PDB file of N, CA and C in Angstrom:
ATOM      1  N   ASP A   1     -12.710 109.258  96.972  1.00  0.00           N
ATOM      2  CA  ASP A   1     -11.646 107.898  96.940  1.00  0.00           C
ATOM      3  C   ASP A   1     -10.455 109.341  96.442  1.00  0.00           C
ATOM      4  N   GLY A   2     -10.873 110.285  96.684  1.00  0.00           N
ATOM      5  CA  GLY A   2      -9.692 111.608  97.106  1.00  0.00           C
ATOM      6  C   GLY A   2      -8.887 111.591  98.086  1.00  0.00           C
ATOM      7  N   TRP A   3      -8.215 113.438  98.895  1.00  0.00           N
ATOM      8  CA  TRP A   3      -7.726 113.459  99.700  1.00  0.00           C
ATOM      9  C   TRP A   3      -8.339 114.792 100.323  1.00  0.00           C
ATOM     10  N   LYS A   4      -8.274 114.847 101.352  1.00  0.00           N
ATOM     11  CA  LYS A   4      -8.935 115.892 102.250  1.00  0.00           C
ATOM     12  C   LYS A   4      -8.292 116.787 103.448  1.00  0.00           C
ATOM     13  N   LEU A   5      -7.815 117.970 102.761  1.00  0.00           N
ATOM     14  CA  LEU A   5      -6.522 119.022 104.634  1.00  0.00           C
ATOM     15  C   LEU A   5      -7.345 119.864 104.736  1.00  0.00           C
ATOM     16  N   VAL A   6      -7.515 120.229 105.687  1.00  0.00           N
ATOM     17  CA  VAL A   6      -8.147 120.802 106.665  1.00  0.00           C
ATOM     18  C   VAL A   6      -6.812 121.980 107.381  1.00  0.00           C
ATOM     19  N   PHE A   7      -6.814 122.820 106.718  1.00  0.00           N
ATOM     20  CA  PHE A   7      -5.634 124.178 108.549  1.00  0.00           C
ATOM     21  C   PHE A   7      -6.737 124.956 109.405  1.00  0.00           C
ATOM     22  N   SER A   8      -6.183 124.746 110.246  1.00  0.00           N
ATOM     23  CA  SER A   8      -6.820 125.278 111.358  1.00  0.00           C
ATOM     24  C   SER A   8      -7.003 127.242 111.621  1.00  0.00           C
ATOM     25  N   GLY A   9      -5.166 127.380 111.107  1.00  0.00           N
ATOM     26  CA  GLY A   9      -5.034 129.079 111.376  1.00  0.00           C
ATOM     27  C   GLY A   9      -4.812 128.805 112.921  1.00  0.00           C
ATOM     28  N   ASP A  10      -5.354 129.943 113.417  1.00  0.00           N
ATOM     29  CA  ASP A  10      -4.652 130.247 114.490  1.00  0.00           C
ATOM     30  C   ASP A  10      -6.035 130.291 115.499  1.00  0.00           C
ATOM     31  N   THR A  11      -6.088 129.773 116.891  1.00  0.00           N
ATOM     32  CA  THR A  11      -7.672 129.634 116.604  1.00  0.00           C
ATOM     33  C   THR A  11      -7.234 128.733 117.892  1.00  0.00           C
ATOM     34  N   ARG A  12      -8.431 129.323 118.974  1.00  0.00           N
ATOM     35  CA  ARG A  12      -8.706 128.255 120.035  1.00  0.00           C
ATOM     36  C   ARG A  12      -9.751 126.696 119.427  1.00  0.00           C
ATOM     37  N   PRO A  13      -9.604 125.657 120.048  1.00  0.00           N
ATOM     38  CA  PRO A  13     -10.743 124.369 119.702  1.00  0.00           C
ATOM     39  C   PRO A  13     -12.152 125.035 119.764  1.00  0.00           C
ATOM     40  N   CYS A  14     -12.403 124.176 118.001  1.00  0.00           N
ATOM     41  CA  CYS A  14     -13.842 124.972 117.727  1.00  0.00           C
ATOM     42  C   CYS A  14     -14.450 123.911 117.117  1.00  0.00           C
ATOM     43  N   GLU A  15     -15.820 123.964 117.718  1.00  0.00           N
ATOM     44  CA  GLU A  15     -16.970 122.870 116.502  1.00  0.00           C
ATOM     45  C   GLU A  15     -16.779 123.214 115.411  1.00  0.00           C
ATOM     46  N   ALA A  16     -16.439 124.546 115.273  1.00  0.00           N
ATOM     47  CA  ALA A  16     -16.160 124.812 113.336  1.00  0.00           C
ATOM     48  C   ALA A  16     -14.826 124.318 112.718  1.00  0.00           C
ATOM     49  N   VAL A  17     -13.724 123.991 113.794  1.00  0.00           N
ATOM     50  CA  VAL A  17     -12.528 123.306 112.894  1.00  0.00           C
ATOM     51  C   VAL A  17     -13.072 121.676 113.048  1.00  0.00           C
ATOM     52  N   VAL A  18     -13.606 121.240 113.955  1.00  0.00           N
ATOM     53  CA  VAL A  18     -13.862 119.724 114.158  1.00  0.00           C
ATOM     54  C   VAL A  18     -15.408 119.571 113.041  1.00  0.00           C
ATOM     55  N   ARG A  19     -15.980 120.282 112.402  1.00  0.00           N
ATOM     56  CA  ARG A  19     -17.176 119.716 111.584  1.00  0.00           C
ATOM     57  C   ARG A  19     -16.772 120.204 110.390  1.00  0.00           C
ATOM     58  N   ALA A  20     -15.415 121.222 109.557  1.00  0.00           N
ATOM     59  CA  ALA A  20     -14.554 120.775 109.192  1.00  0.00           C
ATOM     60  C   ALA A  20     -13.684 119.937 108.621  1.00  0.00           C
ATOM     61  N   ALA A  21     -12.900 119.495 109.979  1.00  0.00           N
ATOM     62  CA  ALA A  21     -11.707 118.154 109.309  1.00  0.00           C
ATOM     63  C   ALA A  21     -11.997 116.750 109.848  1.00  0.00           C
ATOM     64  N   ARG A  22     -13.736 116.797 110.000  1.00  0.00           N
ATOM     65  CA  ARG A  22     -14.391 114.854 110.005  1.00  0.00           C
ATOM     66  C   ARG A  22     -14.192 114.857 108.985  1.00  0.00           C
ATOM     67  N   ASP A  23     -13.292 113.875 109.187  1.00  0.00           N
ATOM     68  CA  ASP A  23     -12.584 112.553 108.069  1.00  0.00           C
ATOM     69  C   ASP A  23     -11.900 113.048 107.321  1.00  0.00           C
ATOM     70  N   ALA A  24     -11.063 113.893 107.562  1.00  0.00           N
ATOM     71  CA  ALA A  24      -9.928 114.871 106.749  1.00  0.00           C
ATOM     72  C   ALA A  24      -8.764 113.722 106.866  1.00  0.00           C
ATOM     73  N   THR A  25      -8.036 113.812 105.463  1.00  0.00           N
ATOM     74  CA  THR A  25      -6.865 113.058 105.715  1.00  0.00           C
ATOM     75  C   THR A  25      -5.498 113.817 106.056  1.00  0.00           C
ATOM     76  N   LEU A  26      -5.851 114.974 106.293  1.00  0.00           N
ATOM     77  CA  LEU A  26      -4.952 115.981 107.063  1.00  0.00           C
ATOM     78  C   LEU A  26      -5.894 117.024 107.520  1.00  0.00           C
ATOM     79  N   LEU A  27      -5.226 116.823 109.092  1.00  0.00           N
ATOM     80  CA  LEU A  27      -4.985 118.674 109.498  1.00  0.00           C
ATOM     81  C   LEU A  27      -3.998 119.182 110.308  1.00  0.00           C
ATOM     82  N   VAL A  28      -3.754 120.225 109.635  1.00  0.00           N
ATOM     83  CA  VAL A  28      -3.406 120.583 110.200  1.00  0.00           C
ATOM     84  C   VAL A  28      -3.590 121.717 111.847  1.00  0.00           C
ATOM     85  N   HIS A  29      -2.938 121.913 112.691  1.00  0.00           N
ATOM     86  CA  HIS A  29      -3.598 121.968 113.469  1.00  0.00           C
ATOM     87  C   HIS A  29      -2.505 122.861 114.951  1.00  0.00           C
ATOM     88  N   GLU A  30      -2.871 124.630 114.664  1.00  0.00           N
ATOM     89  CA  GLU A  30      -2.064 125.260 116.054  1.00  0.00           C
ATOM     90  C   GLU A  30      -1.587 124.653 116.921  1.00  0.00           C
ATOM     91  N   ALA A  31      -1.020 124.346 117.763  1.00  0.00           N
ATOM     92  CA  ALA A  31      -0.619 124.096 118.626  1.00  0.00           C
ATOM     93  C   ALA A  31       0.522 124.912 119.871  1.00  0.00           C
ATOM     94  N   THR A  32       0.905 125.944 120.131  1.00  0.00           N
ATOM     95  CA  THR A  32       0.952 127.216 120.391  1.00  0.00           C
ATOM     96  C   THR A  32       1.832 126.956 121.758  1.00  0.00           C
ATOM     97  N   PHE A  33       0.826 126.399 122.130  1.00  0.00           N
ATOM     98  CA  PHE A  33       1.705 126.124 123.937  1.00  0.00           C
ATOM     99  C   PHE A  33       1.188 124.563 124.566  1.00  0.00           C
ATOM    100  N   GLU A  34       2.586 124.043 125.266  1.00  0.00           N
ATOM    101  CA  GLU A  34       2.321 122.795 125.647  1.00  0.00           C
ATOM    102  C   GLU A  34       0.931 122.684 127.330  1.00  0.00           C
ATOM    103  N   ASP A  35       0.111 121.373 127.096  1.00  0.00           N
ATOM    104  CA  ASP A  35      -0.758 121.203 127.638  1.00  0.00           C
ATOM    105  C   ASP A  35      -0.618 123.045 129.349  1.00  0.00           C
ATOM    106  N   ALA A  36       1.056 122.771 130.341  1.00  0.00           N
ATOM    107  CA  ALA A  36       0.393 123.481 130.879  1.00  0.00           C
ATOM    108  C   ALA A  36       0.595 124.650 130.946  1.00  0.00           C
ATOM    109  N   LEU A  37       0.087 125.430 130.241  1.00  0.00           N
ATOM    110  CA  LEU A  37       0.282 127.439 129.749  1.00  0.00           C
ATOM    111  C   LEU A  37      -1.188 126.903 129.316  1.00  0.00           C
ATOM    112  N   ARG A  38      -2.023 126.633 129.516  1.00  0.00           N
ATOM    113  CA  ARG A  38      -3.559 126.547 129.062  1.00  0.00           C
ATOM    114  C   ARG A  38      -3.838 127.892 129.405  1.00  0.00           C
ATOM    115  N   ASP A  39      -4.381 128.497 130.156  1.00  0.00           N
ATOM    116  CA  ASP A  39      -4.309 129.962 130.727  1.00  0.00           C
ATOM    117  C   ASP A  39      -3.383 130.825 129.728  1.00  0.00           C
ATOM    118  N   GLU A  40      -3.105 130.587 129.821  1.00  0.00           N
ATOM    119  CA  GLU A  40      -2.073 131.684 128.575  1.00  0.00           C
ATOM    120  C   GLU A  40      -2.641 131.450 127.103  1.00  0.00           C
ATOM    121  N   ALA A  41      -2.878 130.662 127.005  1.00  0.00           N
ATOM    122  CA  ALA A  41      -3.294 129.931 125.016  1.00  0.00           C
ATOM    123  C   ALA A  41      -5.134 129.604 125.564  1.00  0.00           C
ATOM    124  N   LEU A  42      -5.564 130.071 126.282  1.00  0.00           N
ATOM    125  CA  LEU A  42      -7.363 130.851 126.221  1.00  0.00           C
ATOM    126  C   LEU A  42      -7.242 132.608 125.894  1.00  0.00           C
ATOM    127  N   ALA A  43      -6.112 133.455 126.763  1.00  0.00           N
ATOM    128  CA  ALA A  43      -5.715 134.305 126.988  1.00  0.00           C
ATOM    129  C   ALA A  43      -5.416 135.187 125.600  1.00  0.00           C
ATOM    130  N   LYS A  44      -4.122 134.144 125.328  1.00  0.00           N
ATOM    131  CA  LYS A  44      -3.728 134.249 123.563  1.00  0.00           C
ATOM    132  C   LYS A  44      -4.918 133.967 122.316  1.00  0.00           C
ATOM    133  N   ARG A  45      -6.150 133.399 122.680  1.00  0.00           N
ATOM    134  CA  ARG A  45      -6.998 132.333 121.586  1.00  0.00           C
ATOM    135  C   ARG A  45      -5.890 131.799 120.824  1.00  0.00           C
ATOM    136  N   HIS A  46      -5.168 130.587 121.182  1.00  0.00           N
ATOM    137  CA  HIS A  46      -4.708 129.602 121.131  1.00  0.00           C
ATOM    138  C   HIS A  46      -4.423 128.667 121.582  1.00  0.00           C
ATOM    139  N   SER A  47      -4.430 127.099 120.667  1.00  0.00           N
ATOM    140  CA  SER A  47      -4.998 125.712 121.117  1.00  0.00           C
ATOM    141  C   SER A  47      -3.600 125.574 121.860  1.00  0.00           C
ATOM    142  N   THR A  48      -3.632 124.419 122.652  1.00  0.00           N
ATOM    143  CA  THR A  48      -2.235 123.522 123.614  1.00  0.00           C
ATOM    144  C   THR A  48      -2.639 122.854 123.076  1.00  0.00           C
ATOM    145  N   THR A  49      -0.561 121.631 122.673  1.00  0.00           N
ATOM    146  CA  THR A  49      -1.188 120.584 122.274  1.00  0.00           C
ATOM    147  C   THR A  49      -1.988 119.381 122.793  1.00  0.00           C
ATOM    148  N   GLY A  50      -2.778 119.399 123.864  1.00  0.00           N
ATOM    149  CA  GLY A  50      -3.634 118.687 123.958  1.00  0.00           C
ATOM    150  C   GLY A  50      -5.018 119.038 122.746  1.00  0.00           C
ATOM    151  N   GLU A  51      -4.755 120.255 123.098  1.00  0.00           N
ATOM    152  CA  GLU A  51      -6.314 120.394 122.831  1.00  0.00           C
ATOM    153  C   GLU A  51      -7.020 120.308 121.017  1.00  0.00           C
ATOM    154  N   ALA A  52      -5.346 120.481 120.383  1.00  0.00           N
ATOM    155  CA  ALA A  52      -5.284 120.018 119.364  1.00  0.00           C
ATOM    156  C   ALA A  52      -5.339 118.967 118.855  1.00  0.00           C
ATOM    157  N   LEU A  53      -4.877 118.312 119.849  1.00  0.00           N
ATOM    158  CA  LEU A  53      -4.972 117.486 119.759  1.00  0.00           C
ATOM    159  C   LEU A  53      -6.746 115.839 119.422  1.00  0.00           C
ATOM    160  N   ASP A  54      -6.936 116.755 120.907  1.00  0.00           N
ATOM    161  CA  ASP A  54      -8.675 116.387 120.702  1.00  0.00           C
ATOM    162  C   ASP A  54      -8.772 116.560 119.188  1.00  0.00           C
ATOM    163  N   VAL A  55      -9.027 118.106 118.959  1.00  0.00           N
ATOM    164  CA  VAL A  55      -9.727 118.778 117.704  1.00  0.00           C
ATOM    165  C   VAL A  55      -9.385 117.553 116.852  1.00  0.00           C
ATOM    166  N   ALA A  56      -8.300 116.805 116.393  1.00  0.00           N
ATOM    167  CA  ALA A  56      -8.015 115.959 115.373  1.00  0.00           C
ATOM    168  C   ALA A  56      -9.113 114.309 116.375  1.00  0.00           C
ATOM    169  N   ALA A  57      -8.764 114.053 116.960  1.00  0.00           N
ATOM    170  CA  ALA A  57     -10.057 112.964 117.554  1.00  0.00           C
ATOM    171  C   ALA A  57     -11.006 112.914 117.525  1.00  0.00           C
ATOM    172  N   ARG A  58     -11.542 114.349 117.683  1.00  0.00           N
ATOM    173  CA  ARG A  58     -13.074 114.208 117.281  1.00  0.00           C
ATOM    174  C   ARG A  58     -13.312 114.235 116.327  1.00  0.00           C
ATOM    175  N   ALA A  59     -12.754 114.490 115.669  1.00  0.00           N
ATOM    176  CA  ALA A  59     -13.014 114.838 113.418  1.00  0.00           C
ATOM    177  C   ALA A  59     -12.359 113.913 113.401  1.00  0.00           C
ATOM    178  N   GLY A  60     -11.564 112.541 113.316  1.00  0.00           N
ATOM    179  CA  GLY A  60     -11.897 111.608 113.018  1.00  0.00           C
ATOM    180  C   GLY A  60     -10.712 111.461 111.864  1.00  0.00           C
ATOM    181  N   VAL A  61      -9.873 112.526 112.122  1.00  0.00           N
ATOM    182  CA  VAL A  61      -8.504 112.628 111.160  1.00  0.00           C
ATOM    183  C   VAL A  61      -7.694 111.715 111.002  1.00  0.00           C
ATOM    184  N   ASN A  62      -7.312 111.101 109.627  1.00  0.00           N
ATOM    185  CA  ASN A  62      -5.943 110.033 109.821  1.00  0.00           C
ATOM    186  C   ASN A  62      -4.778 111.000 110.448  1.00  0.00           C
ATOM    187  N   ARG A  63      -4.937 112.321 109.801  1.00  0.00           N
ATOM    188  CA  ARG A  63      -3.561 112.408 110.412  1.00  0.00           C
ATOM    189  C   ARG A  63      -3.970 113.974 111.167  1.00  0.00           C
ATOM    190  N   VAL A  64      -3.032 114.234 112.176  1.00  0.00           N
ATOM    191  CA  VAL A  64      -2.742 115.242 112.556  1.00  0.00           C
ATOM    192  C   VAL A  64      -1.470 116.396 112.348  1.00  0.00           C
ATOM    193  N   VAL A  65      -0.931 116.965 111.664  1.00  0.00           N
ATOM    194  CA  VAL A  65       0.104 117.562 112.272  1.00  0.00           C
ATOM    195  C   VAL A  65      -0.001 118.998 113.061  1.00  0.00           C
ATOM    196  N   LEU A  66       1.023 119.183 113.759  1.00  0.00           N
ATOM    197  CA  LEU A  66       0.812 120.499 114.593  1.00  0.00           C
ATOM    198  C   LEU A  66       1.562 121.105 114.443  1.00  0.00           C
ATOM    199  N   THR A  67       1.715 122.053 114.145  1.00  0.00           N
ATOM    200  CA  THR A  67       2.972 123.753 113.342  1.00  0.00           C
ATOM    201  C   THR A  67       2.433 124.873 114.811  1.00  0.00           C
ATOM    202  N   HIS A  68       3.118 126.236 114.386  1.00  0.00           N
ATOM    203  CA  HIS A  68       2.804 127.025 114.945  1.00  0.00           C
ATOM    204  C   HIS A  68       3.697 126.729 116.292  1.00  0.00           C
ATOM    205  N   PHE A  69       4.297 126.756 117.274  1.00  0.00           N
ATOM    206  CA  PHE A  69       4.739 125.662 118.658  1.00  0.00           C
ATOM    207  C   PHE A  69       5.890 127.778 118.388  1.00  0.00           C
ATOM    208  N   SER A  70       5.462 127.894 119.793  1.00  0.00           N
ATOM    209  CA  SER A  70       5.974 128.971 119.860  1.00  0.00           C
ATOM    210  C   SER A  70       7.859 129.641 119.857  1.00  0.00           C
ATOM    211  N   GLN A  71       8.173 130.117 120.231  1.00  0.00           N
ATOM    212  CA  GLN A  71       9.425 130.450 119.691  1.00  0.00           C
ATOM    213  C   GLN A  71      10.301 130.181 121.773  1.00  0.00           C
ATOM    214  N   ARG A  72       9.053 130.715 122.344  1.00  0.00           N
ATOM    215  CA  ARG A  72       9.245 131.250 123.997  1.00  0.00           C
ATOM    216  C   ARG A  72       9.355 130.170 124.987  1.00  0.00           C
ATOM    217  N   TYR A  73       8.954 128.856 124.201  1.00  0.00           N
ATOM    218  CA  TYR A  73       8.858 127.791 125.308  1.00  0.00           C
ATOM    219  C   TYR A  73       9.756 126.411 124.311  1.00  0.00           C
ATOM    220  N   PRO A  74       9.525 124.944 124.550  1.00  0.00           N
ATOM    221  CA  PRO A  74      10.225 124.715 124.645  1.00  0.00           C
ATOM    222  C   PRO A  74       9.409 123.959 123.039  1.00  0.00           C
ATOM    223  N   LYS A  75      10.491 124.081 122.077  1.00  0.00           N
ATOM    224  CA  LYS A  75      11.015 123.216 120.887  1.00  0.00           C
ATOM    225  C   LYS A  75      10.137 123.002 120.461  1.00  0.00           C
ATOM    226  N   VAL A  76       9.968 120.950 120.767  1.00  0.00           N
ATOM    227  CA  VAL A  76       9.379 120.559 120.459  1.00  0.00           C
ATOM    228  C   VAL A  76       8.040 120.018 121.922  1.00  0.00           C
ATOM    229  N   PRO A  77       6.395 119.800 121.051  1.00  0.00           N
ATOM    230  CA  PRO A  77       5.868 119.409 122.140  1.00  0.00           C
ATOM    231  C   PRO A  77       5.606 118.082 122.337  1.00  0.00           C
ATOM    232  N   THR A  78       4.852 117.709 123.622  1.00  0.00           N
ATOM    233  CA  THR A  78       5.012 116.302 124.168  1.00  0.00           C
ATOM    234  C   THR A  78       3.670 116.013 123.540  1.00  0.00           C
ATOM    235  N   LEU A  79       3.764 114.844 122.843  1.00  0.00           N
ATOM    236  CA  LEU A  79       1.754 114.788 122.339  1.00  0.00           C
ATOM    237  C   LEU A  79       1.450 113.435 122.808  1.00  0.00           C
ATOM    238  N   GLY A  80       1.954 112.854 124.417  1.00  0.00           N
ATOM    239  CA  GLY A  80       1.163 112.788 125.392  1.00  0.00           C
ATOM    240  C   GLY A  80      -0.067 111.417 124.926  1.00  0.00           C
ATOM    241  N   GLY A  81       0.984 110.261 125.133  1.00  0.00           N
ATOM    242  CA  GLY A  81       0.518 109.268 124.819  1.00  0.00           C
ATOM    243  C   GLY A  81      -0.260 108.841 123.840  1.00  0.00           C
ATOM    244  N   ALA A  82       0.328 106.780 123.965  1.00  0.00           N
ATOM    245  CA  ALA A  82      -0.770 106.292 121.902  1.00  0.00           C
ATOM    246  C   ALA A  82      -1.299 107.246 121.260  1.00  0.00           C
ATOM    247  N   ASP A  83      -1.965 108.068 121.524  1.00  0.00           N
ATOM    248  CA  ASP A  83      -2.705 108.516 120.592  1.00  0.00           C
ATOM    249  C   ASP A  83      -2.768 109.718 120.153  1.00  0.00           C
ATOM    250  N   GLY A  84      -1.618 110.253 120.472  1.00  0.00           N
ATOM    251  CA  GLY A  84      -1.596 111.235 120.294  1.00  0.00           C
ATOM    252  C   GLY A  84      -0.008 110.812 119.620  1.00  0.00           C
ATOM    253  N   GLU A  85       1.402 109.694 119.371  1.00  0.00           N
ATOM    254  CA  GLU A  85       2.100 109.164 119.123  1.00  0.00           C
ATOM    255  C   GLU A  85       1.315 108.243 117.646  1.00  0.00           C
ATOM    256  N   ARG A  86       0.302 107.871 117.947  1.00  0.00           N
ATOM    257  CA  ARG A  86       0.571 107.757 116.283  1.00  0.00           C
ATOM    258  C   ARG A  86      -0.552 108.091 115.446  1.00  0.00           C
ATOM    259  N   LEU A  87      -1.465 108.950 116.210  1.00  0.00           N
ATOM    260  CA  LEU A  87      -2.071 109.759 115.269  1.00  0.00           C
ATOM    261  C   LEU A  87      -1.258 112.028 114.550  1.00  0.00           C
ATOM    262  N   ALA A  88      -0.067 111.963 115.822  1.00  0.00           N
ATOM    263  CA  ALA A  88       0.137 114.068 115.039  1.00  0.00           C
ATOM    264  C   ALA A  88       1.798 113.428 114.410  1.00  0.00           C
ATOM    265  N   GLY A  89       2.317 113.872 114.504  1.00  0.00           N
ATOM    266  CA  GLY A  89       3.292 114.538 113.451  1.00  0.00           C
ATOM    267  C   GLY A  89       3.095 115.968 113.890  1.00  0.00           C
ATOM    268  N   ILE A  90       5.372 116.339 113.452  1.00  0.00           N
ATOM    269  CA  ILE A  90       5.306 118.080 114.444  1.00  0.00           C
ATOM    270  C   ILE A  90       5.863 118.152 113.280  1.00  0.00           C
ATOM    271  N   ALA A  91       5.840 119.876 112.665  1.00  0.00           N
ATOM    272  CA  ALA A  91       5.338 119.990 111.639  1.00  0.00           C
ATOM    273  C   ALA A  91       6.777 120.776 112.235  1.00  0.00           C
ATOM    274  N   PHE A  92       7.937 120.971 110.782  1.00  0.00           N
ATOM    275  CA  PHE A  92       9.116 122.057 111.189  1.00  0.00           C
ATOM    276  C   PHE A  92       9.226 122.308 110.172  1.00  0.00           C
ATOM    277  N   ASP A  93      10.585 123.838 110.113  1.00  0.00           N
ATOM    278  CA  ASP A  93      10.701 124.554 109.378  1.00  0.00           C
ATOM    279  C   ASP A  93      10.814 123.856 107.874  1.00  0.00           C
ATOM    280  N   LEU A  94      10.295 124.232 106.330  1.00  0.00           N
ATOM    281  CA  LEU A  94      10.499 123.245 105.117  1.00  0.00           C
ATOM    282  C   LEU A  94       9.846 122.957 104.916  1.00  0.00           C
ATOM    283  N   MET A  95       8.524 122.248 105.964  1.00  0.00           N
ATOM    284  CA  MET A  95       8.651 120.687 105.916  1.00  0.00           C
ATOM    285  C   MET A  95       7.904 120.145 104.694  1.00  0.00           C
ATOM    286  N   THR A  96       8.048 119.596 103.561  1.00  0.00           N
ATOM    287  CA  THR A  96       7.013 119.135 102.900  1.00  0.00           C
ATOM    288  C   THR A  96       6.906 117.638 103.415  1.00  0.00           C
ATOM    289  N   LEU A  97       5.496 116.959 102.781  1.00  0.00           N
ATOM    290  CA  LEU A  97       5.157 116.509 103.351  1.00  0.00           C
ATOM    291  C   LEU A  97       4.461 115.345 101.703  1.00  0.00           C
ATOM    292  N   ASN A  98       4.472 113.903 101.379  1.00  0.00           N
ATOM    293  CA  ASN A  98       3.827 113.488 100.462  1.00  0.00           C
ATOM    294  C   ASN A  98       2.882 112.449 101.078  1.00  0.00           C
ATOM    295  N   LEU A  99       1.250 113.215 100.589  1.00  0.00           N
ATOM    296  CA  LEU A  99       0.070 112.120 100.777  1.00  0.00           C
ATOM    297  C   LEU A  99       0.062 110.549 101.035  1.00  0.00           C
ATOM    298  N   ALA A 100       1.416 110.167 100.075  1.00  0.00           N
ATOM    299  CA  ALA A 100       1.802 108.488 100.203  1.00  0.00           C
ATOM    300  C   ALA A 100       2.305 108.478 100.990  1.00  0.00           C
ATOM    301  N   ASP A 101       3.321 108.953 101.671  1.00  0.00           N
ATOM    302  CA  ASP A 101       4.042 108.748 103.230  1.00  0.00           C
ATOM    303  C   ASP A 101       3.486 109.239 104.276  1.00  0.00           C
ATOM    304  N   LEU A 102       1.910 109.920 104.272  1.00  0.00           N
ATOM    305  CA  LEU A 102       1.258 110.032 105.520  1.00  0.00           C
ATOM    306  C   LEU A 102       1.432 109.390 106.787  1.00  0.00           C
ATOM    307  N   GLU A 103       1.215 108.049 106.642  1.00  0.00           N
ATOM    308  CA  GLU A 103       0.583 106.849 107.460  1.00  0.00           C
ATOM    309  C   GLU A 103       2.275 106.188 108.273  1.00  0.00           C
ATOM    310  N   ARG A 104       3.742 107.280 106.959  1.00  0.00           N
ATOM    311  CA  ARG A 104       5.250 107.038 108.321  1.00  0.00           C
ATOM    312  C   ARG A 104       5.444 108.370 109.152  1.00  0.00           C
ATOM    313  N   LEU A 105       4.178 109.915 109.064  1.00  0.00           N
ATOM    314  CA  LEU A 105       4.519 110.609 109.387  1.00  0.00           C
ATOM    315  C   LEU A 105       4.407 110.665 110.572  1.00  0.00           C
ATOM    316  N   PRO A 106       3.641 109.672 112.282  1.00  0.00           N
ATOM    317  CA  PRO A 106       4.422 109.429 113.336  1.00  0.00           C
ATOM    318  C   PRO A 106       5.757 108.919 113.754  1.00  0.00           C
ATOM    319  N   LEU A 107       6.425 108.295 112.981  1.00  0.00           N
ATOM    320  CA  LEU A 107       8.158 107.540 112.626  1.00  0.00           C
ATOM    321  C   LEU A 107       8.316 108.627 113.112  1.00  0.00           C
ATOM    322  N   LEU A 108       8.293 109.693 112.701  1.00  0.00           N
ATOM    323  CA  LEU A 108       9.266 111.715 112.869  1.00  0.00           C
ATOM    324  C   LEU A 108       9.736 111.429 113.797  1.00  0.00           C
ATOM    325  N   ASN A 109       8.205 111.676 115.030  1.00  0.00           N
ATOM    326  CA  ASN A 109       8.302 112.852 116.150  1.00  0.00           C
ATOM    327  C   ASN A 109      10.246 112.310 117.120  1.00  0.00           C
ATOM    328  N   ARG A 110       9.847 110.851 117.204  1.00  0.00           N
ATOM    329  CA  ARG A 110      11.308 111.196 118.217  1.00  0.00           C
ATOM    330  C   ARG A 110      12.182 111.119 117.630  1.00  0.00           C
ATOM    331  N   PRO A 111      12.551 111.351 116.566  1.00  0.00           N
ATOM    332  CA  PRO A 111      13.754 111.243 115.980  1.00  0.00           C
ATOM    333  C   PRO A 111      13.590 113.405 116.382  1.00  0.00           C
ATOM    334  N   LEU A 112      12.869 114.014 115.943  1.00  0.00           N
ATOM    335  CA  LEU A 112      12.614 115.037 116.016  1.00  0.00           C
ATOM    336  C   LEU A 112      12.645 115.511 117.155  1.00  0.00           C
ATOM    337  N   GLN A 113      11.788 115.422 118.186  1.00  0.00           N
ATOM    338  CA  GLN A 113      11.748 115.394 119.529  1.00  0.00           C
ATOM    339  C   GLN A 113      14.072 115.061 120.079  1.00  0.00           C
ATOM    340  N   ALA A 114      14.593 114.057 119.337  1.00  0.00           N
ATOM    341  CA  ALA A 114      15.507 114.124 119.882  1.00  0.00           C
ATOM    342  C   ALA A 114      16.451 115.168 119.582  1.00  0.00           C
ATOM    343  N   ILE A 115      16.831 115.874 117.716  1.00  0.00           N
ATOM    344  CA  ILE A 115      17.564 116.276 117.098  1.00  0.00           C
ATOM    345  C   ILE A 115      16.970 118.083 117.880  1.00  0.00           C
ATOM    346  N   LEU A 116      15.842 118.235 118.116  1.00  0.00           N
ATOM    347  CA  LEU A 116      15.357 119.791 118.523  1.00  0.00           C
ATOM    348  C   LEU A 116      15.290 119.905 120.191  1.00  0.00           C
ATOM    349  N   ALA A 117      15.893 119.005 120.907  1.00  0.00           N
ATOM    350  CA  ALA A 117      15.730 118.873 121.979  1.00  0.00           C
ATOM    351  C   ALA A 117      16.440 120.431 123.064  1.00  0.00           C
ATOM    352  N   ASP A 118      16.016 120.626 123.861  1.00  0.00           N
ATOM    353  CA  ASP A 118      16.586 122.063 124.378  1.00  0.00           C
ATOM    354  C   ASP A 118      17.727 121.311 125.420  1.00  0.00           C
ATOM    355  N   PRO A 119      19.057 122.347 124.739  1.00  0.00           N
ATOM    356  CA  PRO A 119      20.257 121.456 125.516  1.00  0.00           C
ATOM    357  C   PRO A 119      20.263 120.828 126.111  1.00  0.00           C
ATOM    358  N   GLU A 120      20.205 122.200 127.238  1.00  0.00           N
ATOM    359  CA  GLU A 120      19.330 122.174 128.901  1.00  0.00           C
ATOM    360  C   GLU A 120      19.371 120.523 129.392  1.00  0.00           C
ATOM    361  N   ASP A 121      18.528 120.396 128.737  1.00  0.00           N
ATOM    362  CA  ASP A 121      17.002 119.139 129.465  1.00  0.00           C
ATOM    363  C   ASP A 121      18.344 118.431 128.890  1.00  0.00           C
ATOM    364  N   VAL A 122      18.990 117.954 127.519  1.00  0.00           N
ATOM    365  CA  VAL A 122      19.590 116.492 126.904  1.00  0.00           C
ATOM    366  C   VAL A 122      20.605 116.669 128.375  1.00  0.00           C
ATOM    367  N   GLU A 123      22.038 117.344 129.003  1.00  0.00           N
ATOM    368  CA  GLU A 123      22.649 117.834 129.690  1.00  0.00           C
ATOM    369  C   GLU A 123      22.030 117.228 130.772  1.00  0.00           C
ATOM    370  N   ALA A 124      20.543 117.769 131.842  1.00  0.00           N
ATOM    371  CA  ALA A 124      20.247 117.075 132.933  1.00  0.00           C
ATOM    372  C   ALA A 124      20.185 115.821 132.958  1.00  0.00           C
ATOM    373  N   GLU A 125      19.839 115.086 131.841  1.00  0.00           N
ATOM    374  CA  GLU A 125      19.128 113.795 131.776  1.00  0.00           C
ATOM    375  C   GLU A 125      20.820 113.074 131.767  1.00  0.00           C
ATOM    376  N   GLU A 126      21.976 113.364 131.292  1.00  0.00           N
ATOM    377  CA  GLU A 126      23.031 112.308 131.347  1.00  0.00           C
ATOM    378  C   GLU A 126      23.905 112.958 132.668  1.00  0.00           C
TER     379      GLU A 126
END
């Protein structure tokens, strides 16, 4: 009836994190690169958003918070599909999270994507 928190640190996807995160209440996983930059993630030994979500799904976690986004790339990751939208939350500076609110974490994703969107992308859509 307790809770379990797992923090990946900087890493490529690996079975050690999957095992450690098995049935965790919350996994905090770095997702430095978007999926299109997988080769760069490999070279720099980081994870893409999709890879972090895959680790979370394979571990059967309740929720995953994606963090450690590179300043050189888009500020907000694309969560790719219903599983990502349901399972993941996007970390932001000074974020605090009450475990009682964990189920509502994914509800923050769309507002955060709107708030943190690149102004050039917003202008292009208009």
